[in-house]
Full PDB file with SEQRES, HELIX, SHEET, SSBOND, CRYST1, ORIGX, SCALE, CONECT and MASTER records, all heavy atoms in Angstrom:
SEQRES   1 A   41  TYR CYS ARG VAL ILE ALA ARG ARG ILE LEU ALA ASN LEU          
SEQRES   2 A   41  ARG ASP VAL GLU GLU CYS GLU ASN ASP ALA TYR LEU ALA          
SEQRES   3 A   41  ALA TRP ASN THR ILE PRO PRO GLN ILE PRO ARG LYS LEU          
SEQRES   4 A   41  SER ILE                                                      
HELIX    1 AA1 CYS A    2  ARG A    7  1                                   6    
HELIX    2 AA2 LEU A   13  THR A   30  1                                  18    
CRYST1    1.000    1.000    1.000  90.00  90.00  90.00 P 1           1          
ORIGX1      1.000000  0.000000  0.000000        0.00000                         
ORIGX2      0.000000  1.000000  0.000000        0.00000                         
ORIGX3      0.000000  0.000000  1.000000        0.00000                         
SCALE1      1.000000  0.000000  0.000000        0.00000                         
SCALE2      0.000000  1.000000  0.000000        0.00000                         
SCALE3      0.000000  0.000000  1.000000        0.00000                         
ATOM      1  N   TYR A   1      98.448  95.165 114.153  1.00  0.00           N  
ATOM      2  CA  TYR A   1      98.258  93.719 114.317  1.00  0.00           C  
ATOM      3  C   TYR A   1      98.501  93.313 115.763  1.00  0.00           C  
ATOM      4  O   TYR A   1      97.697  92.582 116.363  1.00  0.00           O  
ATOM      5  CB  TYR A   1      99.214  93.004 113.355  1.00  0.00           C  
ATOM      6  CG  TYR A   1      99.350  91.521 113.536  1.00  0.00           C  
ATOM      7  CD1 TYR A   1      98.331  90.658 113.165  1.00  0.00           C  
ATOM      8  CD2 TYR A   1     100.521  90.979 114.044  1.00  0.00           C  
ATOM      9  CE1 TYR A   1      98.470  89.289 113.302  1.00  0.00           C  
ATOM     10  CE2 TYR A   1     100.669  89.616 114.182  1.00  0.00           C  
ATOM     11  CZ  TYR A   1      99.650  88.767 113.823  1.00  0.00           C  
ATOM     12  OH  TYR A   1      99.784  87.413 113.955  1.00  0.00           O  
ATOM     13  N   CYS A   2      99.580  93.796 116.347  1.00  0.00           N  
ATOM     14  CA  CYS A   2      99.913  93.461 117.738  1.00  0.00           C  
ATOM     15  C   CYS A   2      98.872  94.026 118.703  1.00  0.00           C  
ATOM     16  O   CYS A   2      98.464  93.351 119.650  1.00  0.00           O  
ATOM     17  CB  CYS A   2     101.299  93.987 118.088  1.00  0.00           C  
ATOM     18  SG  CYS A   2     102.639  93.101 117.280  1.00  0.00           S  
ATOM     19  N   ARG A   3      98.426  95.257 118.464  1.00  0.00           N  
ATOM     20  CA  ARG A   3      97.427  95.861 119.341  1.00  0.00           C  
ATOM     21  C   ARG A   3      96.098  95.107 119.294  1.00  0.00           C  
ATOM     22  O   ARG A   3      95.436  94.949 120.322  1.00  0.00           O  
ATOM     23  CB  ARG A   3      97.232  97.332 118.984  1.00  0.00           C  
ATOM     24  CG  ARG A   3      98.367  98.213 119.458  1.00  0.00           C  
ATOM     25  CD  ARG A   3      98.078  99.689 119.260  1.00  0.00           C  
ATOM     26  NE  ARG A   3      97.897 100.050 117.854  1.00  0.00           N  
ATOM     27  CZ  ARG A   3      98.882 100.338 117.018  1.00  0.00           C  
ATOM     28  NH1 ARG A   3     100.136 100.313 117.436  1.00  0.00           N  
ATOM     29  NH2 ARG A   3      98.634 100.656 115.755  1.00  0.00           N  
ATOM     30  N   VAL A   4      95.722  94.623 118.124  1.00  0.00           N  
ATOM     31  CA  VAL A   4      94.473  93.851 118.008  1.00  0.00           C  
ATOM     32  C   VAL A   4      94.560  92.575 118.835  1.00  0.00           C  
ATOM     33  O   VAL A   4      93.620  92.224 119.554  1.00  0.00           O  
ATOM     34  CB  VAL A   4      94.155  93.530 116.530  1.00  0.00           C  
ATOM     35  CG1 VAL A   4      93.092  92.453 116.407  1.00  0.00           C  
ATOM     36  CG2 VAL A   4      93.725  94.781 115.799  1.00  0.00           C  
ATOM     37  N   ILE A   5      95.672  91.896 118.765  1.00  0.00           N  
ATOM     38  CA  ILE A   5      95.837  90.655 119.537  1.00  0.00           C  
ATOM     39  C   ILE A   5      95.741  90.944 121.022  1.00  0.00           C  
ATOM     40  O   ILE A   5      95.017  90.268 121.758  1.00  0.00           O  
ATOM     41  CB  ILE A   5      97.187  89.980 119.186  1.00  0.00           C  
ATOM     42  CG1 ILE A   5      97.147  89.448 117.755  1.00  0.00           C  
ATOM     43  CG2 ILE A   5      97.489  88.842 120.175  1.00  0.00           C  
ATOM     44  CD1 ILE A   5      98.482  88.967 117.238  1.00  0.00           C  
ATOM     45  N   ALA A   6      96.463  91.965 121.479  1.00  0.00           N  
ATOM     46  CA  ALA A   6      96.442  92.301 122.906  1.00  0.00           C  
ATOM     47  C   ALA A   6      95.066  92.815 123.329  1.00  0.00           C  
ATOM     48  O   ALA A   6      94.589  92.507 124.428  1.00  0.00           O  
ATOM     49  CB  ALA A   6      97.516  93.333 123.216  1.00  0.00           C  
ATOM     50  N   ARG A   7      94.410  93.569 122.473  1.00  0.00           N  
ATOM     51  CA  ARG A   7      93.102  94.161 122.802  1.00  0.00           C  
ATOM     52  C   ARG A   7      92.035  93.084 122.973  1.00  0.00           C  
ATOM     53  O   ARG A   7      91.093  93.257 123.745  1.00  0.00           O  
ATOM     54  CB  ARG A   7      92.691  95.136 121.692  1.00  0.00           C  
ATOM     55  CG  ARG A   7      91.442  95.894 121.970  1.00  0.00           C  
ATOM     56  CD  ARG A   7      91.686  96.970 123.014  1.00  0.00           C  
ATOM     57  NE  ARG A   7      90.469  97.738 123.198  1.00  0.00           N  
ATOM     58  CZ  ARG A   7      89.884  97.918 124.356  1.00  0.00           C  
ATOM     59  NH1 ARG A   7      90.404  97.423 125.445  1.00  0.00           N  
ATOM     60  NH2 ARG A   7      88.790  98.613 124.450  1.00  0.00           N  
ATOM     61  N   ARG A   8      92.166  91.975 122.282  1.00  0.00           N  
ATOM     62  CA  ARG A   8      91.199  90.889 122.425  1.00  0.00           C  
ATOM     63  C   ARG A   8      91.345  90.170 123.767  1.00  0.00           C  
ATOM     64  O   ARG A   8      90.443  89.452 124.188  1.00  0.00           O  
ATOM     65  CB  ARG A   8      91.344  89.889 121.281  1.00  0.00           C  
ATOM     66  CG  ARG A   8      90.858  90.460 119.974  1.00  0.00           C  
ATOM     67  CD  ARG A   8      90.961  89.479 118.860  1.00  0.00           C  
ATOM     68  NE  ARG A   8      90.431  90.083 117.635  1.00  0.00           N  
ATOM     69  CZ  ARG A   8      90.474  89.511 116.467  1.00  0.00           C  
ATOM     70  NH1 ARG A   8      91.024  88.319 116.333  1.00  0.00           N  
ATOM     71  NH2 ARG A   8      89.989  90.128 115.409  1.00  0.00           N  
ATOM     72  N   ILE A   9      92.475  90.362 124.422  1.00  0.00           N  
ATOM     73  CA  ILE A   9      92.735  89.721 125.709  1.00  0.00           C  
ATOM     74  C   ILE A   9      92.550  90.700 126.864  1.00  0.00           C  
ATOM     75  O   ILE A   9      92.034  90.333 127.915  1.00  0.00           O  
ATOM     76  CB  ILE A   9      94.158  89.118 125.726  1.00  0.00           C  
ATOM     77  CG1 ILE A   9      94.276  88.040 124.647  1.00  0.00           C  
ATOM     78  CG2 ILE A   9      94.512  88.556 127.096  1.00  0.00           C  
ATOM     79  CD1 ILE A   9      95.677  87.572 124.363  1.00  0.00           C  
ATOM     80  N   LEU A  10      92.961  91.941 126.658  1.00  0.00           N  
ATOM     81  CA  LEU A  10      92.967  92.946 127.721  1.00  0.00           C  
ATOM     82  C   LEU A  10      91.936  94.039 127.466  1.00  0.00           C  
ATOM     83  O   LEU A  10      91.704  94.426 126.328  1.00  0.00           O  
ATOM     84  CB  LEU A  10      94.360  93.582 127.825  1.00  0.00           C  
ATOM     85  CG  LEU A  10      95.503  92.615 128.104  1.00  0.00           C  
ATOM     86  CD1 LEU A  10      96.832  93.300 127.871  1.00  0.00           C  
ATOM     87  CD2 LEU A  10      95.411  92.082 129.520  1.00  0.00           C  
ATOM     88  N   ALA A  11      91.369  94.561 128.531  1.00  0.00           N  
ATOM     89  CA  ALA A  11      90.371  95.622 128.409  1.00  0.00           C  
ATOM     90  C   ALA A  11      90.994  97.015 128.514  1.00  0.00           C  
ATOM     91  O   ALA A  11      90.486  97.961 127.929  1.00  0.00           O  
ATOM     92  CB  ALA A  11      89.303  95.461 129.487  1.00  0.00           C  
ATOM     93  N   ASN A  12      92.086  97.125 129.223  1.00  0.00           N  
ATOM     94  CA  ASN A  12      92.704  98.421 129.488  1.00  0.00           C  
ATOM     95  C   ASN A  12      93.662  98.804 128.353  1.00  0.00           C  
ATOM     96  O   ASN A  12      94.592  98.054 128.041  1.00  0.00           O  
ATOM     97  CB  ASN A  12      93.445  98.353 130.823  1.00  0.00           C  
ATOM     98  CG  ASN A  12      93.986  99.683 131.268  1.00  0.00           C  
ATOM     99  OD1 ASN A  12      94.489 100.466 130.469  1.00  0.00           O  
ATOM    100  ND2 ASN A  12      93.894  99.928 132.566  1.00  0.00           N  
ATOM    101  N   LEU A  13      93.446  99.970 127.758  1.00  0.00           N  
ATOM    102  CA  LEU A  13      94.292 100.405 126.640  1.00  0.00           C  
ATOM    103  C   LEU A  13      95.742 100.640 127.061  1.00  0.00           C  
ATOM    104  O   LEU A  13      96.661 100.426 126.267  1.00  0.00           O  
ATOM    105  CB  LEU A  13      93.721 101.665 125.998  1.00  0.00           C  
ATOM    106  CG  LEU A  13      92.415 101.462 125.230  1.00  0.00           C  
ATOM    107  CD1 LEU A  13      91.902 102.788 124.686  1.00  0.00           C  
ATOM    108  CD2 LEU A  13      92.596 100.476 124.102  1.00  0.00           C  
ATOM    109  N   ARG A  14      95.956 101.066 128.290  1.00  0.00           N  
ATOM    110  CA  ARG A  14      97.336 101.240 128.772  1.00  0.00           C  
ATOM    111  C   ARG A  14      98.053  99.902 128.862  1.00  0.00           C  
ATOM    112  O   ARG A  14      99.236  99.801 128.561  1.00  0.00           O  
ATOM    113  CB  ARG A  14      97.356 101.934 130.126  1.00  0.00           C  
ATOM    114  CG  ARG A  14      97.035 103.395 130.039  1.00  0.00           C  
ATOM    115  CD  ARG A  14      97.220 104.073 131.349  1.00  0.00           C  
ATOM    116  NE  ARG A  14      96.809 105.465 131.240  1.00  0.00           N  
ATOM    117  CZ  ARG A  14      96.860 106.318 132.215  1.00  0.00           C  
ATOM    118  NH1 ARG A  14      97.298 105.939 133.392  1.00  0.00           N  
ATOM    119  NH2 ARG A  14      96.482 107.561 132.035  1.00  0.00           N  
ATOM    120  N   ASP A  15      97.327  98.864 129.281  1.00  0.00           N  
ATOM    121  CA  ASP A  15      97.913  97.523 129.325  1.00  0.00           C  
ATOM    122  C   ASP A  15      98.255  97.038 127.919  1.00  0.00           C  
ATOM    123  O   ASP A  15      99.283  96.392 127.713  1.00  0.00           O  
ATOM    124  CB  ASP A  15      96.962  96.535 130.000  1.00  0.00           C  
ATOM    125  CG  ASP A  15      96.868  96.735 131.503  1.00  0.00           C  
ATOM    126  OD1 ASP A  15      97.743  97.415 132.075  1.00  0.00           O  
ATOM    127  OD2 ASP A  15      95.905  96.211 132.100  1.00  0.00           O  
ATOM    128  N   VAL A  16      97.390  97.351 126.956  1.00  0.00           N  
ATOM    129  CA  VAL A  16      97.638  96.971 125.565  1.00  0.00           C  
ATOM    130  C   VAL A  16      98.915  97.645 125.064  1.00  0.00           C  
ATOM    131  O   VAL A  16      99.775  97.002 124.453  1.00  0.00           O  
ATOM    132  CB  VAL A  16      96.433  97.334 124.668  1.00  0.00           C  
ATOM    133  CG1 VAL A  16      96.769  97.170 123.193  1.00  0.00           C  
ATOM    134  CG2 VAL A  16      95.224  96.489 125.043  1.00  0.00           C  
ATOM    135  N   GLU A  17      99.045  98.937 125.340  1.00  0.00           N  
ATOM    136  CA  GLU A  17     100.230  99.671 124.912  1.00  0.00           C  
ATOM    137  C   GLU A  17     101.493  99.133 125.587  1.00  0.00           C  
ATOM    138  O   GLU A  17     102.535  98.974 124.947  1.00  0.00           O  
ATOM    139  CB  GLU A  17     100.053 101.151 125.265  1.00  0.00           C  
ATOM    140  CG  GLU A  17     101.189 102.032 124.808  1.00  0.00           C  
ATOM    141  CD  GLU A  17     100.937 103.480 125.159  1.00  0.00           C  
ATOM    142  OE1 GLU A  17      99.867 104.000 124.791  1.00  0.00           O  
ATOM    143  OE2 GLU A  17     101.816 104.081 125.808  1.00  0.00           O  
ATOM    144  N   GLU A  18     101.381  98.806 126.862  1.00  0.00           N  
ATOM    145  CA  GLU A  18     102.521  98.238 127.590  1.00  0.00           C  
ATOM    146  C   GLU A  18     102.925  96.885 126.993  1.00  0.00           C  
ATOM    147  O   GLU A  18     104.123  96.614 126.810  1.00  0.00           O  
ATOM    148  CB  GLU A  18     102.151  98.072 129.061  1.00  0.00           C  
ATOM    149  CG  GLU A  18     103.262  97.530 129.922  1.00  0.00           C  
ATOM    150  CD  GLU A  18     102.836  97.362 131.370  1.00  0.00           C  
ATOM    151  OE1 GLU A  18     101.918  98.059 131.827  1.00  0.00           O  
ATOM    152  OE2 GLU A  18     103.442  96.513 132.038  1.00  0.00           O  
ATOM    153  N   CYS A  19     101.949  96.064 126.671  1.00  0.00           N  
ATOM    154  CA  CYS A  19     102.236  94.758 126.069  1.00  0.00           C  
ATOM    155  C   CYS A  19     102.885  94.912 124.703  1.00  0.00           C  
ATOM    156  O   CYS A  19     103.801  94.153 124.356  1.00  0.00           O  
ATOM    157  CB  CYS A  19     100.959  93.931 125.953  1.00  0.00           C  
ATOM    158  SG  CYS A  19     100.364  93.312 127.524  1.00  0.00           S  
ATOM    159  N   GLU A  20     102.422  95.888 123.933  1.00  0.00           N  
ATOM    160  CA  GLU A  20     103.008  96.125 122.614  1.00  0.00           C  
ATOM    161  C   GLU A  20     104.493  96.490 122.754  1.00  0.00           C  
ATOM    162  O   GLU A  20     105.344  95.932 122.064  1.00  0.00           O  
ATOM    163  CB  GLU A  20     102.255  97.235 121.896  1.00  0.00           C  
ATOM    164  CG  GLU A  20     102.806  97.523 120.511  1.00  0.00           C  
ATOM    165  CD  GLU A  20     102.134  98.708 119.840  1.00  0.00           C  
ATOM    166  OE1 GLU A  20     101.292  99.385 120.457  1.00  0.00           O  
ATOM    167  OE2 GLU A  20     102.487  98.965 118.673  1.00  0.00           O  
ATOM    168  N   ASN A  21     104.787  97.393 123.666  1.00  0.00           N  
ATOM    169  CA  ASN A  21     106.179  97.782 123.879  1.00  0.00           C  
ATOM    170  C   ASN A  21     107.020  96.624 124.400  1.00  0.00           C  
ATOM    171  O   ASN A  21     108.171  96.441 123.984  1.00  0.00           O  
ATOM    172  CB  ASN A  21     106.253  98.979 124.835  1.00  0.00           C  
ATOM    173  CG  ASN A  21     105.712 100.235 124.210  1.00  0.00           C  
ATOM    174  OD1 ASN A  21     105.787 100.423 123.001  1.00  0.00           O  
ATOM    175  ND2 ASN A  21     105.146 101.103 125.029  1.00  0.00           N  
ATOM    176  N   ASP A  22     106.442  95.827 125.300  1.00  0.00           N  
ATOM    177  CA  ASP A  22     107.154  94.652 125.814  1.00  0.00           C  
ATOM    178  C   ASP A  22     107.415  93.638 124.704  1.00  0.00           C  
ATOM    179  O   ASP A  22     108.454  92.966 124.694  1.00  0.00           O  
ATOM    180  CB  ASP A  22     106.362  93.993 126.938  1.00  0.00           C  
ATOM    181  CG  ASP A  22     106.361  94.811 128.227  1.00  0.00           C  
ATOM    182  OD1 ASP A  22     107.153  95.782 128.324  1.00  0.00           O  
ATOM    183  OD2 ASP A  22     105.552  94.491 129.127  1.00  0.00           O  
ATOM    184  N   ALA A  23     106.503  93.532 123.753  1.00  0.00           N  
ATOM    185  CA  ALA A  23     106.688  92.607 122.626  1.00  0.00           C  
ATOM    186  C   ALA A  23     107.855  93.050 121.755  1.00  0.00           C  
ATOM    187  O   ALA A  23     108.646  92.217 121.294  1.00  0.00           O  
ATOM    188  CB  ALA A  23     105.411  92.500 121.811  1.00  0.00           C  
ATOM    189  N   TYR A  24     107.977  94.354 121.520  1.00  0.00           N  
ATOM    190  CA  TYR A  24     109.108  94.848 120.727  1.00  0.00           C  
ATOM    191  C   TYR A  24     110.426  94.587 121.451  1.00  0.00           C  
ATOM    192  O   TYR A  24     111.415  94.201 120.829  1.00  0.00           O  
ATOM    193  CB  TYR A  24     108.957  96.337 120.419  1.00  0.00           C  
ATOM    194  CG  TYR A  24     107.733  96.673 119.610  1.00  0.00           C  
ATOM    195  CD1 TYR A  24     107.001  97.817 119.865  1.00  0.00           C  
ATOM    196  CD2 TYR A  24     107.285  95.840 118.589  1.00  0.00           C  
ATOM    197  CE1 TYR A  24     105.872  98.138 119.124  1.00  0.00           C  
ATOM    198  CE2 TYR A  24     106.164  96.144 117.846  1.00  0.00           C  
ATOM    199  CZ  TYR A  24     105.455  97.295 118.120  1.00  0.00           C  
ATOM    200  OH  TYR A  24     104.341  97.602 117.385  1.00  0.00           O  
ATOM    201  N   LEU A  25     110.424  94.780 122.762  1.00  0.00           N  
ATOM    202  CA  LEU A  25     111.640  94.501 123.541  1.00  0.00           C  
ATOM    203  C   LEU A  25     111.973  93.014 123.496  1.00  0.00           C  
ATOM    204  O   LEU A  25     113.137  92.636 123.329  1.00  0.00           O  
ATOM    205  CB  LEU A  25     111.451  94.961 124.989  1.00  0.00           C  
ATOM    206  CG  LEU A  25     112.626  94.669 125.921  1.00  0.00           C  
ATOM    207  CD1 LEU A  25     113.889  95.402 125.466  1.00  0.00           C  
ATOM    208  CD2 LEU A  25     112.272  95.053 127.345  1.00  0.00           C  
ATOM    209  N   ALA A  26     110.956  92.168 123.606  1.00  0.00           N  
ATOM    210  CA  ALA A  26     111.189  90.718 123.543  1.00  0.00           C  
ATOM    211  C   ALA A  26     111.733  90.311 122.178  1.00  0.00           C  
ATOM    212  O   ALA A  26     112.637  89.476 122.087  1.00  0.00           O  
ATOM    213  CB  ALA A  26     109.898  89.960 123.845  1.00  0.00           C  
ATOM    214  N   ALA A  27     111.204  90.913 121.124  1.00  0.00           N  
ATOM    215  CA  ALA A  27     111.729  90.617 119.783  1.00  0.00           C  
ATOM    216  C   ALA A  27     113.185  91.070 119.686  1.00  0.00           C  
ATOM    217  O   ALA A  27     114.021  90.354 119.135  1.00  0.00           O  
ATOM    218  CB  ALA A  27     110.879  91.308 118.716  1.00  0.00           C  
ATOM    219  N   TRP A  28     113.482  92.237 120.216  1.00  0.00           N  
ATOM    220  CA  TRP A  28     114.854  92.765 120.208  1.00  0.00           C  
ATOM    221  C   TRP A  28     115.804  91.806 120.926  1.00  0.00           C  
ATOM    222  O   TRP A  28     116.919  91.561 120.468  1.00  0.00           O  
ATOM    223  CB  TRP A  28     114.871  94.138 120.863  1.00  0.00           C  
ATOM    224  CG  TRP A  28     116.215  94.765 120.930  1.00  0.00           C  
ATOM    225  CD1 TRP A  28     117.101  94.730 121.974  1.00  0.00           C  
ATOM    226  CD2 TRP A  28     116.862  95.530 119.913  1.00  0.00           C  
ATOM    227  NE1 TRP A  28     118.229  95.428 121.673  1.00  0.00           N  
ATOM    228  CE2 TRP A  28     118.110  95.935 120.404  1.00  0.00           C  
ATOM    229  CE3 TRP A  28     116.487  95.912 118.623  1.00  0.00           C  
ATOM    230  CZ2 TRP A  28     119.002  96.697 119.667  1.00  0.00           C  
ATOM    231  CZ3 TRP A  28     117.371  96.681 117.900  1.00  0.00           C  
ATOM    232  CH2 TRP A  28     118.614  97.063 118.403  1.00  0.00           C  
ATOM    233  N   ASN A  29     115.351  91.271 122.054  1.00  0.00           N  
ATOM    234  CA  ASN A  29     116.199  90.380 122.849  1.00  0.00           C  
ATOM    235  C   ASN A  29     116.279  88.966 122.280  1.00  0.00           C  
ATOM    236  O   ASN A  29     117.197  88.220 122.602  1.00  0.00           O  
ATOM    237  CB  ASN A  29     115.691  90.318 124.295  1.00  0.00           C  
ATOM    238  CG  ASN A  29     115.912  91.614 125.030  1.00  0.00           C  
ATOM    239  OD1 ASN A  29     116.835  92.368 124.734  1.00  0.00           O  
ATOM    240  ND2 ASN A  29     115.063  91.898 125.991  1.00  0.00           N  
ATOM    241  N   THR A  30     115.343  88.602 121.421  1.00  0.00           N  
ATOM    242  CA  THR A  30     115.281  87.238 120.891  1.00  0.00           C  
ATOM    243  C   THR A  30     115.947  87.097 119.526  1.00  0.00           C  
ATOM    244  O   THR A  30     116.455  86.032 119.187  1.00  0.00           O  
ATOM    245  CB  THR A  30     113.813  86.787 120.813  1.00  0.00           C  
ATOM    246  OG1 THR A  30     113.212  86.965 122.093  1.00  0.00           O  
ATOM    247  CG2 THR A  30     113.705  85.339 120.428  1.00  0.00           C  
ATOM    248  N   ILE A  31     115.926  88.177 118.741  1.00  0.00           N  
ATOM    249  CA  ILE A  31     116.535  88.134 117.401  1.00  0.00           C  
ATOM    250  C   ILE A  31     117.871  88.853 117.461  1.00  0.00           C  
ATOM    251  O   ILE A  31     117.878  90.059 117.699  1.00  0.00           O  
ATOM    252  CB  ILE A  31     115.637  88.841 116.356  1.00  0.00           C  
ATOM    253  CG1 ILE A  31     114.237  88.267 116.351  1.00  0.00           C  
ATOM    254  CG2 ILE A  31     116.265  88.747 114.973  1.00  0.00           C  
ATOM    255  CD1 ILE A  31     113.257  89.056 115.499  1.00  0.00           C  
ATOM    256  N   PRO A  32     118.981  88.317 117.146  1.00  0.00           N  
ATOM    257  CA  PRO A  32     119.317  86.906 117.204  1.00  0.00           C  
ATOM    258  C   PRO A  32     119.362  86.430 118.652  1.00  0.00           C  
ATOM    259  O   PRO A  32     119.372  87.267 119.528  1.00  0.00           O  
ATOM    260  CB  PRO A  32     120.679  86.840 116.531  1.00  0.00           C  
ATOM    261  CG  PRO A  32     121.293  88.178 116.772  1.00  0.00           C  
ATOM    262  CD  PRO A  32     120.149  89.142 116.883  1.00  0.00           C  
ATOM    263  N   PRO A  33     119.441  85.211 118.965  1.00  0.00           N  
ATOM    264  CA  PRO A  33     119.856  84.061 118.175  1.00  0.00           C  
ATOM    265  C   PRO A  33     118.736  83.443 117.340  1.00  0.00           C  
ATOM    266  O   PRO A  33     119.025  82.781 116.357  1.00  0.00           O  
ATOM    267  CB  PRO A  33     120.358  83.068 119.206  1.00  0.00           C  
ATOM    268  CG  PRO A  33     119.558  83.348 120.422  1.00  0.00           C  
ATOM    269  CD  PRO A  33     119.314  84.844 120.389  1.00  0.00           C  
ATOM    270  N   GLN A  34     117.476  83.622 117.734  1.00  0.00           N  
ATOM    271  CA  GLN A  34     116.403  83.049 116.918  1.00  0.00           C  
ATOM    272  C   GLN A  34     116.170  83.923 115.689  1.00  0.00           C  
ATOM    273  O   GLN A  34     116.212  85.137 115.775  1.00  0.00           O  
ATOM    274  CB  GLN A  34     115.099  82.969 117.711  1.00  0.00           C  
ATOM    275  CG  GLN A  34     115.099  81.948 118.803  1.00  0.00           C  
ATOM    276  CD  GLN A  34     113.735  81.856 119.473  1.00  0.00           C  
ATOM    277  OE1 GLN A  34     112.814  82.595 119.150  1.00  0.00           O  
ATOM    278  NE2 GLN A  34     113.614  80.935 120.408  1.00  0.00           N  
ATOM    279  N   ILE A  35     115.947  83.279 114.575  1.00  0.00           N  
ATOM    280  CA  ILE A  35     115.626  83.972 113.336  1.00  0.00           C  
ATOM    281  C   ILE A  35     114.239  83.490 112.910  1.00  0.00           C  
ATOM    282  O   ILE A  35     114.076  82.340 112.495  1.00  0.00           O  
ATOM    283  CB  ILE A  35     116.660  83.660 112.222  1.00  0.00           C  
ATOM    284  CG1 ILE A  35     118.078  83.930 112.707  1.00  0.00           C  
ATOM    285  CG2 ILE A  35     116.334  84.447 110.962  1.00  0.00           C  
ATOM    286  CD1 ILE A  35     118.367  85.361 113.077  1.00  0.00           C  
ATOM    287  N   PRO A  36     113.217  84.353 113.035  1.00  0.00           N  
ATOM    288  CA  PRO A  36     111.860  83.902 112.696  1.00  0.00           C  
ATOM    289  C   PRO A  36     111.682  83.706 111.196  1.00  0.00           C  
ATOM    290  O   PRO A  36     112.191  84.483 110.394  1.00  0.00           O  
ATOM    291  CB  PRO A  36     110.974  85.037 113.205  1.00  0.00           C  
ATOM    292  CG  PRO A  36     111.851  86.229 113.258  1.00  0.00           C  
ATOM    293  CD  PRO A  36     113.240  85.721 113.515  1.00  0.00           C  
ATOM    294  N   ARG A  37     110.980  82.635 110.844  1.00  0.00           N  
ATOM    295  CA  ARG A  37     110.670  82.409 109.426  1.00  0.00           C  
ATOM    296  C   ARG A  37     109.529  83.314 108.984  1.00  0.00           C  
ATOM    297  O   ARG A  37     109.518  83.776 107.854  1.00  0.00           O  
ATOM    298  CB  ARG A  37     110.298  80.943 109.200  1.00  0.00           C  
ATOM    299  CG  ARG A  37     111.518  80.042 109.184  1.00  0.00           C  
ATOM    300  CD  ARG A  37     111.152  78.647 108.790  1.00  0.00           C  
ATOM    301  NE  ARG A  37     110.893  77.918 110.040  1.00  0.00           N  
ATOM    302  CZ  ARG A  37     110.070  76.910 110.162  1.00  0.00           C  
ATOM    303  NH1 ARG A  37     109.407  76.469 109.130  1.00  0.00           N  
ATOM    304  NH2 ARG A  37     109.906  76.313 111.316  1.00  0.00           N  
ATOM    305  N   LYS A  38     108.584  83.548 109.868  1.00  0.00           N  
ATOM    306  CA  LYS A  38     107.430  84.409 109.575  1.00  0.00           C  
ATOM    307  C   LYS A  38     107.312  85.401 110.722  1.00  0.00           C  
ATOM    308  O   LYS A  38     106.895  85.054 111.822  1.00  0.00           O  
ATOM    309  CB  LYS A  38     106.178  83.535 109.443  1.00  0.00           C  
ATOM    310  CG  LYS A  38     104.963  84.261 109.028  1.00  0.00           C  
ATOM    311  CD  LYS A  38     104.772  84.175 107.539  1.00  0.00           C  
ATOM    312  CE  LYS A  38     103.380  84.704 107.205  1.00  0.00           C  
ATOM    313  NZ  LYS A  38     103.383  85.558 106.070  1.00  0.00           N  
ATOM    314  N   LEU A  39     107.686  86.642 110.473  1.00  0.00           N  
ATOM    315  CA  LEU A  39     107.764  87.655 111.519  1.00  0.00           C  
ATOM    316  C   LEU A  39     106.401  87.927 112.152  1.00  0.00           C  
ATOM    317  O   LEU A  39     106.307  88.103 113.369  1.00  0.00           O  
ATOM    318  CB  LEU A  39     108.374  88.945 110.970  1.00  0.00           C  
ATOM    319  CG  LEU A  39     108.703  90.031 111.987  1.00  0.00           C  
ATOM    320  CD1 LEU A  39     109.666  89.526 113.053  1.00  0.00           C  
ATOM    321  CD2 LEU A  39     109.284  91.252 111.287  1.00  0.00           C  
ATOM    322  N   SER A  40     105.337  87.926 111.375  1.00  0.00           N  
ATOM    323  CA  SER A  40     104.011  88.208 111.934  1.00  0.00           C  
ATOM    324  C   SER A  40     103.598  87.148 112.957  1.00  0.00           C  
ATOM    325  O   SER A  40     103.080  87.483 114.029  1.00  0.00           O  
ATOM    326  CB  SER A  40     102.969  88.305 110.826  1.00  0.00           C  
ATOM    327  OG  SER A  40     102.878  87.095 110.120  1.00  0.00           O  
ATOM    328  N   ILE A  41     103.845  85.900 112.658  1.00  0.00           N  
ATOM    329  CA  ILE A  41     103.505  84.822 113.584  1.00  0.00           C  
ATOM    330  C   ILE A  41     104.385  84.902 114.822  1.00  0.00           C  
ATOM    331  O   ILE A  41     103.910  84.729 115.951  1.00  0.00           O  
ATOM    332  CB  ILE A  41     103.628  83.452 112.896  1.00  0.00           C  
ATOM    333  CG1 ILE A  41     102.576  83.344 111.795  1.00  0.00           C  
ATOM    334  CG2 ILE A  41     103.499  82.313 113.892  1.00  0.00           C  
ATOM    335  CD1 ILE A  41     102.735  82.142 110.903  1.00  0.00           C  
TER     336      ILE A  41                                                      
MASTER        0    0    0    2    0    0    0    6  335    1    0    4          
END                                                                             
């Protein structure tokens, strides 16, 4: 799901992979204190 979102914006597969990893790090740093009601969104 995350790769599809990034792939629609970026052409380079390495950039997509980098964004995916950065998203996991951002989620790690954000939860807690934020608790998402819908994790996919």
